[in-house]
Amino acid sequence: MPNNRYFIEFSYDGSSYHGLQKQLNAISVQEIMENSISKILRDNINIISAGRTDTGVHALNMFAHFDYDIKSKIEESNFCYLINRLLPADIVVEAIHLVKPNSHSRFDAISRTYNYYITDSKNPFNYRYRYYLSDQLDFSKMDKASKKLYEYEDFKCFSRSNTDVKTYNCNIINASWVKSDDGFKFVIKSNRFLRNMVRAIVGTLLEIGKGRIKISDLDRIIKSRDRRNAGYSVPAEGLFLVEIVYDKEIFIESWKK
C-alpha cells in the first residue's frame, strides 16, 4: 500500500470544462489532472479534490490529494515543471506538498473563500470572468443584507435540489461586497459550501439590490429552507474559488513550480 500522501495545489480557468469532478461523456479538470500525473509517475493515479466546481467556474486556489509510494520520484523529478509542460494552458500546478498520512484535502479544509465578480462595463476580453449586468444596483443595501448571513447556519434554501448531504449547516465567516477594478465583487468565506450556494446567494442579493425584495425578506427566505423562495442562480463565469485554508501542521515538505 502507498505510504505517502500528497496534496497538489493548482489553479484553472473553468471556461472549457464541465466542472472539476470527473464525469462520463464530458471533459473535466480532474480527468486532465489525473491523466497528466499518471503519465509522469507511470502509475494509475486518482485524485480526491477539496471540493467540486460546476461548469464554467474558476479556481485560483484548489487542492486535491493522492497517494504514491516512491517519494524520490516526486522529490527528484522537478514534478511541477514536468506536469505543467503536460497540462493545457488553462490549468497550472502551483505546488505539491507531502502531508501527514491521514490528511484529507476535503475534510481537513478549515475554510474556503469565493469571489463573485459583477461589472456594468461590457468588455470582450473579460466576459468569461465577469457577470455583465446593466441594472442599477444598490450595493450598500446588498452589503447590509449580506451581514444577515452571519445570523444563520442552515442554508438549505440556497442549495441545489436533490443534493446528497447530511447537513445544510455552514459557518459563514465573512460576506461582503467590495469595489473592484471594473465593478464589484462579492466575497464569502465559510467552513464549507453547499452545491450552487454562492451563486444562489448572489442572485438573491441582486434581487435586493434591484429593489425587487427587501432586506427583511432574506430572513423569511432562509427560514423557509425552500430553494424556490430564493433568487436565481447567477452565471458561473463570475465565480472564483480563491482560497482554501488548512492547518499548517499537516504539511511536511513542499515543492513549488
C-alpha atoms as a PDB file:
ATOM      1  CA  MET A   1       0.000   0.000   0.000  1.00  0.00           C
ATOM      2  CA  PRO A   2       1.262   3.525  -0.786  1.00  0.00           C
ATOM      3  CA  ASN A   3       2.520   5.211   2.371  1.00  0.00           C
ATOM      4  CA  ASN A   4       2.994   8.779   1.157  1.00  0.00           C
ATOM      5  CA  ARG A   5       0.152  11.217   0.730  1.00  0.00           C
ATOM      6  CA  TYR A   6       0.482  14.344  -1.378  1.00  0.00           C
ATOM      7  CA  PHE A   7      -1.587  17.483  -1.699  1.00  0.00           C
ATOM      8  CA  ILE A   8      -1.412  19.015  -5.149  1.00  0.00           C
ATOM      9  CA  GLU A   9      -2.160  22.742  -5.289  1.00  0.00           C
ATOM     10  CA  PHE A  10      -3.424  24.068  -8.609  1.00  0.00           C
ATOM     11  CA  SER A  11      -5.474  26.708 -10.405  1.00  0.00           C
ATOM     12  CA  TYR A  12      -7.586  26.664 -13.527  1.00  0.00           C
ATOM     13  CA  ASP A  13      -9.791  28.610 -15.886  1.00  0.00           C
ATOM     14  CA  GLY A  14     -13.032  26.653 -15.876  1.00  0.00           C
ATOM     15  CA  SER A  15     -14.409  28.065 -19.140  1.00  0.00           C
ATOM     16  CA  SER A  16     -13.647  24.978 -21.235  1.00  0.00           C
ATOM     17  CA  TYR A  17     -14.544  22.315 -18.672  1.00  0.00           C
ATOM     18  CA  HIS A  18     -17.684  20.647 -17.384  1.00  0.00           C
ATOM     19  CA  GLY A  19     -16.628  21.326 -13.828  1.00  0.00           C
ATOM     20  CA  LEU A  20     -13.852  19.873 -11.727  1.00  0.00           C
ATOM     21  CA  GLN A  21     -15.246  16.430 -10.963  1.00  0.00           C
ATOM     22  CA  LYS A  22     -14.711  13.602 -13.446  1.00  0.00           C
ATOM     23  CA  GLN A  23     -17.829  12.521 -15.328  1.00  0.00           C
ATOM     24  CA  LEU A  24     -18.908  10.429 -18.288  1.00  0.00           C
ATOM     25  CA  ASN A  25     -19.038  11.954 -21.775  1.00  0.00           C
ATOM     26  CA  ALA A  26     -17.708  15.363 -20.715  1.00  0.00           C
ATOM     27  CA  ILE A  27     -14.232  16.755 -20.185  1.00  0.00           C
ATOM     28  CA  SER A  28     -13.343  17.775 -16.634  1.00  0.00           C
ATOM     29  CA  VAL A  29     -10.376  19.280 -14.819  1.00  0.00           C
ATOM     30  CA  GLN A  30      -9.990  16.115 -12.729  1.00  0.00           C
ATOM     31  CA  GLU A  31      -9.664  13.924 -15.813  1.00  0.00           C
ATOM     32  CA  ILE A  32      -6.954  16.137 -17.294  1.00  0.00           C
ATOM     33  CA  MET A  33      -5.088  16.278 -13.972  1.00  0.00           C
ATOM     34  CA  GLU A  34      -5.208  12.531 -13.378  1.00  0.00           C
ATOM     35  CA  ASN A  35      -4.017  11.727 -16.901  1.00  0.00           C
ATOM     36  CA  SER A  36      -1.070  14.108 -16.586  1.00  0.00           C
ATOM     37  CA  ILE A  37       0.018  12.906 -13.117  1.00  0.00           C
ATOM     38  CA  SER A  38      -0.305   9.278 -14.208  1.00  0.00           C
ATOM     39  CA  LYS A  39       1.965   9.872 -17.207  1.00  0.00           C
ATOM     40  CA  ILE A  40       4.672  11.490 -15.102  1.00  0.00           C
ATOM     41  CA  LEU A  41       4.619   8.882 -12.335  1.00  0.00           C
ATOM     42  CA  ARG A  42       3.914   5.986 -14.712  1.00  0.00           C
ATOM     43  CA  ASP A  43       1.171   4.744 -12.454  1.00  0.00           C
ATOM     44  CA  ASN A  44      -2.615   4.956 -12.359  1.00  0.00           C
ATOM     45  CA  ILE A  45      -3.257   7.965 -10.113  1.00  0.00           C
ATOM     46  CA  ASN A  46      -6.674   9.009  -8.795  1.00  0.00           C
ATOM     47  CA  ILE A  47      -7.057  12.353  -7.077  1.00  0.00           C
ATOM     48  CA  ILE A  48      -9.601  13.429  -4.452  1.00  0.00           C
ATOM     49  CA  SER A  49     -10.334  17.141  -4.587  1.00  0.00           C
ATOM     50  CA  ALA A  50     -11.115  19.604  -1.818  1.00  0.00           C
ATOM     51  CA  GLY A  51     -14.470  20.248  -3.412  1.00  0.00           C
ATOM     52  CA  ARG A  52     -16.234  20.474  -6.728  1.00  0.00           C
ATOM     53  CA  THR A  53     -16.779  23.434  -9.005  1.00  0.00           C
ATOM     54  CA  ASP A  54     -19.526  23.480 -11.615  1.00  0.00           C
ATOM     55  CA  THR A  55     -19.203  24.005 -15.346  1.00  0.00           C
ATOM     56  CA  GLY A  56     -17.535  27.342 -16.111  1.00  0.00           C
ATOM     57  CA  VAL A  57     -16.471  28.117 -12.529  1.00  0.00           C
ATOM     58  CA  HIS A  58     -12.824  29.066 -11.994  1.00  0.00           C
ATOM     59  CA  ALA A  59     -10.313  28.321  -9.231  1.00  0.00           C
ATOM     60  CA  LEU A  60      -7.336  30.429  -8.215  1.00  0.00           C
ATOM     61  CA  ASN A  61      -6.554  28.019  -5.395  1.00  0.00           C
ATOM     62  CA  MET A  62      -7.684  24.396  -5.445  1.00  0.00           C
ATOM     63  CA  PHE A  63      -6.260  21.344  -3.673  1.00  0.00           C
ATOM     64  CA  ALA A  64      -6.534  17.611  -4.258  1.00  0.00           C
ATOM     65  CA  HIS A  65      -4.753  14.648  -2.723  1.00  0.00           C
ATOM     66  CA  PHE A  66      -3.360  11.363  -3.974  1.00  0.00           C
ATOM     67  CA  ASP A  67      -1.214   8.526  -2.619  1.00  0.00           C
ATOM     68  CA  TYR A  68       2.093   7.428  -4.083  1.00  0.00           C
ATOM     69  CA  ASP A  69       4.812   5.308  -2.542  1.00  0.00           C
ATOM     70  CA  ILE A  70       8.047   6.394  -4.286  1.00  0.00           C
ATOM     71  CA  LYS A  71       8.959   9.713  -2.673  1.00  0.00           C
ATOM     72  CA  SER A  72      12.169  10.071  -4.688  1.00  0.00           C
ATOM     73  CA  LYS A  73      10.176  10.302  -7.921  1.00  0.00           C
ATOM     74  CA  ILE A  74       8.377  13.367  -6.579  1.00  0.00           C
ATOM     75  CA  GLU A  75      11.433  14.831  -4.907  1.00  0.00           C
ATOM     76  CA  GLU A  76      13.897  14.426  -7.774  1.00  0.00           C
ATOM     77  CA  SER A  77      11.703  14.752 -10.849  1.00  0.00           C
ATOM     78  CA  ASN A  78      11.029  18.519 -10.809  1.00  0.00           C
ATOM     79  CA  PHE A  79       7.400  17.421 -10.639  1.00  0.00           C
ATOM     80  CA  CYS A  80       5.711  20.803 -11.003  1.00  0.00           C
ATOM     81  CA  TYR A  81       7.761  21.701 -14.064  1.00  0.00           C
ATOM     82  CA  LEU A  82       7.046  18.384 -15.756  1.00  0.00           C
ATOM     83  CA  ILE A  83       3.318  18.379 -15.099  1.00  0.00           C
ATOM     84  CA  ASN A  84       2.906  21.981 -16.219  1.00  0.00           C
ATOM     85  CA  ARG A  85       4.546  21.048 -19.509  1.00  0.00           C
ATOM     86  CA  LEU A  86       1.882  18.368 -19.995  1.00  0.00           C
ATOM     87  CA  LEU A  87      -1.112  20.347 -18.813  1.00  0.00           C
ATOM     88  CA  PRO A  88      -3.053  22.679 -21.125  1.00  0.00           C
ATOM     89  CA  ALA A  89      -2.526  26.416 -20.684  1.00  0.00           C
ATOM     90  CA  ASP A  90      -5.716  26.828 -18.627  1.00  0.00           C
ATOM     91  CA  ILE A  91      -4.583  24.507 -15.783  1.00  0.00           C
ATOM     92  CA  VAL A  92      -1.472  25.211 -13.702  1.00  0.00           C
ATOM     93  CA  VAL A  93       0.041  23.281 -10.793  1.00  0.00           C
ATOM     94  CA  GLU A  94       1.401  25.736  -8.229  1.00  0.00           C
ATOM     95  CA  ALA A  95       2.928  23.254  -5.761  1.00  0.00           C
ATOM     96  CA  ILE A  96       2.955  19.691  -4.490  1.00  0.00           C
ATOM     97  CA  HIS A  97       3.076  19.010  -0.757  1.00  0.00           C
ATOM     98  CA  LEU A  98       3.993  15.895   1.180  1.00  0.00           C
ATOM     99  CA  VAL A  99       1.471  15.782   4.032  1.00  0.00           C
ATOM    100  CA  LYS A 100       0.718  13.640   7.058  1.00  0.00           C
ATOM    101  CA  PRO A 101      -0.656  10.216   6.015  1.00  0.00           C
ATOM    102  CA  ASN A 102      -4.249  10.712   7.185  1.00  0.00           C
ATOM    103  CA  SER A 103      -4.644  14.231   5.773  1.00  0.00           C
ATOM    104  CA  HIS A 104      -7.641  14.764   3.514  1.00  0.00           C
ATOM    105  CA  SER A 105      -7.921  17.611   1.019  1.00  0.00           C
ATOM    106  CA  ARG A 106     -11.676  17.935   1.532  1.00  0.00           C
ATOM    107  CA  PHE A 107     -12.318  17.105   5.171  1.00  0.00           C
ATOM    108  CA  ASP A 108      -9.252  18.864   6.596  1.00  0.00           C
ATOM    109  CA  ALA A 109     -10.008  22.202   4.954  1.00  0.00           C
ATOM    110  CA  ILE A 110     -10.642  24.823   7.635  1.00  0.00           C
ATOM    111  CA  SER A 111     -12.202  27.391   5.325  1.00  0.00           C
ATOM    112  CA  ARG A 112     -12.912  28.206   1.706  1.00  0.00           C
ATOM    113  CA  THR A 113     -13.293  31.644   0.129  1.00  0.00           C
ATOM    114  CA  TYR A 114     -15.138  32.501  -3.069  1.00  0.00           C
ATOM    115  CA  ASN A 115     -15.294  35.764  -5.009  1.00  0.00           C
ATOM    116  CA  TYR A 116     -18.101  36.606  -7.411  1.00  0.00           C
ATOM    117  CA  TYR A 117     -17.443  39.428  -9.888  1.00  0.00           C
ATOM    118  CA  ILE A 118     -20.034  41.753 -11.397  1.00  0.00           C
ATOM    119  CA  THR A 119     -19.425  44.504 -13.929  1.00  0.00           C
ATOM    120  CA  ASP A 120     -21.613  47.091 -15.653  1.00  0.00           C
ATOM    121  CA  SER A 121     -18.957  47.620 -18.332  1.00  0.00           C
ATOM    122  CA  LYS A 122     -19.279  45.350 -21.355  1.00  0.00           C
ATOM    123  CA  ASN A 123     -15.816  44.081 -22.271  1.00  0.00           C
ATOM    124  CA  PRO A 124     -14.978  41.470 -24.940  1.00  0.00           C
ATOM    125  CA  PHE A 125     -11.824  40.478 -23.046  1.00  0.00           C
ATOM    126  CA  ASN A 126     -13.292  39.581 -19.659  1.00  0.00           C
ATOM    127  CA  TYR A 127     -16.754  38.235 -20.439  1.00  0.00           C
ATOM    128  CA  ARG A 128     -15.603  34.782 -19.311  1.00  0.00           C
ATOM    129  CA  TYR A 129     -14.738  36.126 -15.854  1.00  0.00           C
ATOM    130  CA  ARG A 130     -17.415  38.695 -15.045  1.00  0.00           C
ATOM    131  CA  TYR A 131     -21.191  38.781 -14.913  1.00  0.00           C
ATOM    132  CA  TYR A 132     -22.179  41.736 -17.053  1.00  0.00           C
ATOM    133  CA  LEU A 133     -25.237  43.415 -15.595  1.00  0.00           C
ATOM    134  CA  SER A 134     -26.520  46.804 -16.736  1.00  0.00           C
ATOM    135  CA  ASP A 135     -29.160  47.150 -13.983  1.00  0.00           C
ATOM    136  CA  GLN A 136     -28.824  49.905 -11.393  1.00  0.00           C
ATOM    137  CA  LEU A 137     -27.874  48.202  -8.133  1.00  0.00           C
ATOM    138  CA  ASP A 138     -27.864  49.468  -4.556  1.00  0.00           C
ATOM    139  CA  PHE A 139     -24.633  47.879  -3.321  1.00  0.00           C
ATOM    140  CA  SER A 140     -24.954  49.388   0.151  1.00  0.00           C
ATOM    141  CA  LYS A 141     -28.238  47.509   0.614  1.00  0.00           C
ATOM    142  CA  MET A 142     -26.694  44.349  -0.791  1.00  0.00           C
ATOM    143  CA  ASP A 143     -23.762  44.612   1.592  1.00  0.00           C
ATOM    144  CA  LYS A 144     -26.061  45.238   4.546  1.00  0.00           C
ATOM    145  CA  ALA A 145     -28.168  42.223   3.565  1.00  0.00           C
ATOM    146  CA  SER A 146     -25.083  40.015   3.298  1.00  0.00           C
ATOM    147  CA  LYS A 147     -24.380  40.554   7.010  1.00  0.00           C
ATOM    148  CA  LYS A 148     -27.636  38.755   7.817  1.00  0.00           C
ATOM    149  CA  LEU A 149     -25.973  35.539   6.668  1.00  0.00           C
ATOM    150  CA  TYR A 150     -23.931  35.568   9.890  1.00  0.00           C
ATOM    151  CA  GLU A 151     -27.136  35.025  11.866  1.00  0.00           C
ATOM    152  CA  TYR A 152     -27.885  31.624  10.321  1.00  0.00           C
ATOM    153  CA  GLU A 153     -26.355  28.169   9.937  1.00  0.00           C
ATOM    154  CA  ASP A 154     -28.908  26.269   7.834  1.00  0.00           C
ATOM    155  CA  PHE A 155     -28.728  27.358   4.181  1.00  0.00           C
ATOM    156  CA  LYS A 156     -30.880  24.740   2.516  1.00  0.00           C
ATOM    157  CA  CYS A 157     -32.763  27.499   0.680  1.00  0.00           C
ATOM    158  CA  PHE A 158     -29.611  28.202  -1.358  1.00  0.00           C
ATOM    159  CA  SER A 159     -28.717  24.573  -2.054  1.00  0.00           C
ATOM    160  CA  ARG A 160     -29.251  22.743  -5.307  1.00  0.00           C
ATOM    161  CA  SER A 161     -32.166  20.303  -5.060  1.00  0.00           C
ATOM    162  CA  ASN A 162     -31.521  16.588  -4.564  1.00  0.00           C
ATOM    163  CA  THR A 163     -28.070  17.187  -3.105  1.00  0.00           C
ATOM    164  CA  ASP A 164     -26.762  14.194  -1.163  1.00  0.00           C
ATOM    165  CA  VAL A 165     -25.520  15.892   2.023  1.00  0.00           C
ATOM    166  CA  LYS A 166     -26.000  15.033   5.681  1.00  0.00           C
ATOM    167  CA  THR A 167     -26.362  18.640   6.806  1.00  0.00           C
ATOM    168  CA  TYR A 168     -27.137  22.006   5.269  1.00  0.00           C
ATOM    169  CA  ASN A 169     -25.286  23.851   8.024  1.00  0.00           C
ATOM    170  CA  CYS A 170     -22.414  26.182   7.141  1.00  0.00           C
ATOM    171  CA  ASN A 171     -20.467  28.608   9.310  1.00  0.00           C
ATOM    172  CA  ILE A 172     -20.134  31.805   7.277  1.00  0.00           C
ATOM    173  CA  ILE A 173     -17.124  33.788   8.465  1.00  0.00           C
ATOM    174  CA  ASN A 174     -17.226  36.690   6.007  1.00  0.00           C
ATOM    175  CA  ALA A 175     -19.747  38.010   3.493  1.00  0.00           C
ATOM    176  CA  SER A 176     -19.295  41.426   1.922  1.00  0.00           C
ATOM    177  CA  TRP A 177     -19.465  43.452  -1.288  1.00  0.00           C
ATOM    178  CA  VAL A 178     -16.220  45.170  -2.265  1.00  0.00           C
ATOM    179  CA  LYS A 179     -15.412  47.616  -5.081  1.00  0.00           C
ATOM    180  CA  SER A 180     -13.217  46.012  -7.734  1.00  0.00           C
ATOM    181  CA  ASP A 181     -11.400  47.343 -10.788  1.00  0.00           C
ATOM    182  CA  ASP A 182     -14.350  47.241 -13.160  1.00  0.00           C
ATOM    183  CA  GLY A 183     -17.319  46.783 -10.840  1.00  0.00           C
ATOM    184  CA  PHE A 184     -17.963  44.936  -7.582  1.00  0.00           C
ATOM    185  CA  LYS A 185     -17.084  41.577  -6.114  1.00  0.00           C
ATOM    186  CA  PHE A 186     -18.908  39.575  -3.500  1.00  0.00           C
ATOM    187  CA  VAL A 187     -16.514  37.907  -1.053  1.00  0.00           C
ATOM    188  CA  ILE A 188     -17.762  35.000   1.026  1.00  0.00           C
ATOM    189  CA  LYS A 189     -15.799  32.742   3.378  1.00  0.00           C
ATOM    190  CA  SER A 190     -17.134  29.684   5.168  1.00  0.00           C
ATOM    191  CA  ASN A 191     -16.031  26.371   6.602  1.00  0.00           C
ATOM    192  CA  ARG A 192     -17.996  24.660   3.808  1.00  0.00           C
ATOM    193  CA  PHE A 193     -20.423  25.407   0.985  1.00  0.00           C
ATOM    194  CA  LEU A 194     -23.406  23.620  -0.481  1.00  0.00           C
ATOM    195  CA  ARG A 195     -23.721  22.991  -4.216  1.00  0.00           C
ATOM    196  CA  ASN A 196     -24.796  26.158  -6.035  1.00  0.00           C
ATOM    197  CA  MET A 197     -24.894  28.025  -2.705  1.00  0.00           C
ATOM    198  CA  VAL A 198     -22.758  31.029  -3.624  1.00  0.00           C
ATOM    199  CA  ARG A 199     -24.479  31.639  -6.958  1.00  0.00           C
ATOM    200  CA  ALA A 200     -27.912  31.419  -5.303  1.00  0.00           C
ATOM    201  CA  ILE A 201     -26.873  33.827  -2.533  1.00  0.00           C
ATOM    202  CA  VAL A 202     -25.552  36.330  -5.073  1.00  0.00           C
ATOM    203  CA  GLY A 203     -28.743  36.045  -7.133  1.00  0.00           C
ATOM    204  CA  THR A 204     -30.840  36.729  -4.033  1.00  0.00           C
ATOM    205  CA  LEU A 205     -28.714  39.718  -3.011  1.00  0.00           C
ATOM    206  CA  LEU A 206     -29.041  41.109  -6.532  1.00  0.00           C
ATOM    207  CA  GLU A 207     -32.826  40.982  -6.153  1.00  0.00           C
ATOM    208  CA  ILE A 208     -32.379  43.164  -3.079  1.00  0.00           C
ATOM    209  CA  GLY A 209     -30.013  45.477  -4.956  1.00  0.00           C
ATOM    210  CA  LYS A 210     -32.585  45.889  -7.734  1.00  0.00           C
ATOM    211  CA  GLY A 211     -35.294  46.717  -5.180  1.00  0.00           C
ATOM    212  CA  ARG A 212     -37.415  43.691  -6.027  1.00  0.00           C
ATOM    213  CA  ILE A 213     -37.296  42.319  -2.497  1.00  0.00           C
ATOM    214  CA  LYS A 214     -36.441  43.861   0.871  1.00  0.00           C
ATOM    215  CA  ILE A 215     -33.548  43.098   3.187  1.00  0.00           C
ATOM    216  CA  SER A 216     -36.064  41.792   5.728  1.00  0.00           C
ATOM    217  CA  ASP A 217     -37.269  39.235   3.159  1.00  0.00           C
ATOM    218  CA  LEU A 218     -33.942  37.462   3.480  1.00  0.00           C
ATOM    219  CA  ASP A 219     -34.941  36.178   6.935  1.00  0.00           C
ATOM    220  CA  ARG A 220     -38.121  34.672   5.515  1.00  0.00           C
ATOM    221  CA  ILE A 221     -36.251  33.091   2.605  1.00  0.00           C
ATOM    222  CA  ILE A 222     -33.585  31.445   4.779  1.00  0.00           C
ATOM    223  CA  LYS A 223     -36.079  30.218   7.364  1.00  0.00           C
ATOM    224  CA  SER A 224     -38.252  28.680   4.639  1.00  0.00           C
ATOM    225  CA  ARG A 225     -35.459  26.195   3.722  1.00  0.00           C
ATOM    226  CA  ASP A 226     -37.015  26.204   0.223  1.00  0.00           C
ATOM    227  CA  ARG A 227     -34.854  26.868  -2.844  1.00  0.00           C
ATOM    228  CA  ARG A 228     -37.880  28.174  -4.726  1.00  0.00           C
ATOM    229  CA  ASN A 229     -38.084  31.182  -2.417  1.00  0.00           C
ATOM    230  CA  ALA A 230     -34.510  32.348  -3.015  1.00  0.00           C
ATOM    231  CA  GLY A 231     -33.222  34.300  -6.002  1.00  0.00           C
ATOM    232  CA  TYR A 232     -31.925  32.986  -9.296  1.00  0.00           C
ATOM    233  CA  SER A 233     -28.509  31.374  -9.713  1.00  0.00           C
ATOM    234  CA  VAL A 234     -26.150  33.868 -11.321  1.00  0.00           C
ATOM    235  CA  PRO A 235     -23.997  32.666 -14.250  1.00  0.00           C
ATOM    236  CA  ALA A 236     -20.939  30.540 -13.497  1.00  0.00           C
ATOM    237  CA  GLU A 237     -18.354  32.704 -15.228  1.00  0.00           C
ATOM    238  CA  GLY A 238     -18.169  35.309 -12.461  1.00  0.00           C
ATOM    239  CA  LEU A 239     -17.388  32.774  -9.719  1.00  0.00           C
ATOM    240  CA  PHE A 240     -13.860  32.072  -8.469  1.00  0.00           C
ATOM    241  CA  LEU A 241     -12.666  29.815  -5.665  1.00  0.00           C
ATOM    242  CA  VAL A 242      -9.819  31.978  -4.368  1.00  0.00           C
ATOM    243  CA  GLU A 243      -8.511  30.313  -1.204  1.00  0.00           C
ATOM    244  CA  ILE A 244      -8.600  27.080   0.775  1.00  0.00           C
ATOM    245  CA  VAL A 245      -7.013  27.115   4.235  1.00  0.00           C
ATOM    246  CA  TYR A 246      -5.516  24.156   6.120  1.00  0.00           C
ATOM    247  CA  ASP A 247      -3.733  23.754   9.417  1.00  0.00           C
ATOM    248  CA  LYS A 248      -0.045  24.225   8.555  1.00  0.00           C
ATOM    249  CA  GLU A 249       0.892  21.289  10.785  1.00  0.00           C
ATOM    250  CA  ILE A 250      -0.341  18.754   8.214  1.00  0.00           C
ATOM    251  CA  PHE A 251       2.332  19.854   5.702  1.00  0.00           C
ATOM    252  CA  ILE A 252       5.689  18.062   5.879  1.00  0.00           C
ATOM    253  CA  GLU A 253       7.559  19.158   2.757  1.00  0.00           C
ATOM    254  CA  SER A 254       6.702  21.213  -0.326  1.00  0.00           C
ATOM    255  CA  TRP A 255       7.935  21.655  -3.890  1.00  0.00           C
ATOM    256  CA  LYS A 256       6.749  24.726  -5.807  1.00  0.00           C
ATOM    257  CA  LYS A 257       6.692  25.449  -9.515  1.00  0.00           C
END
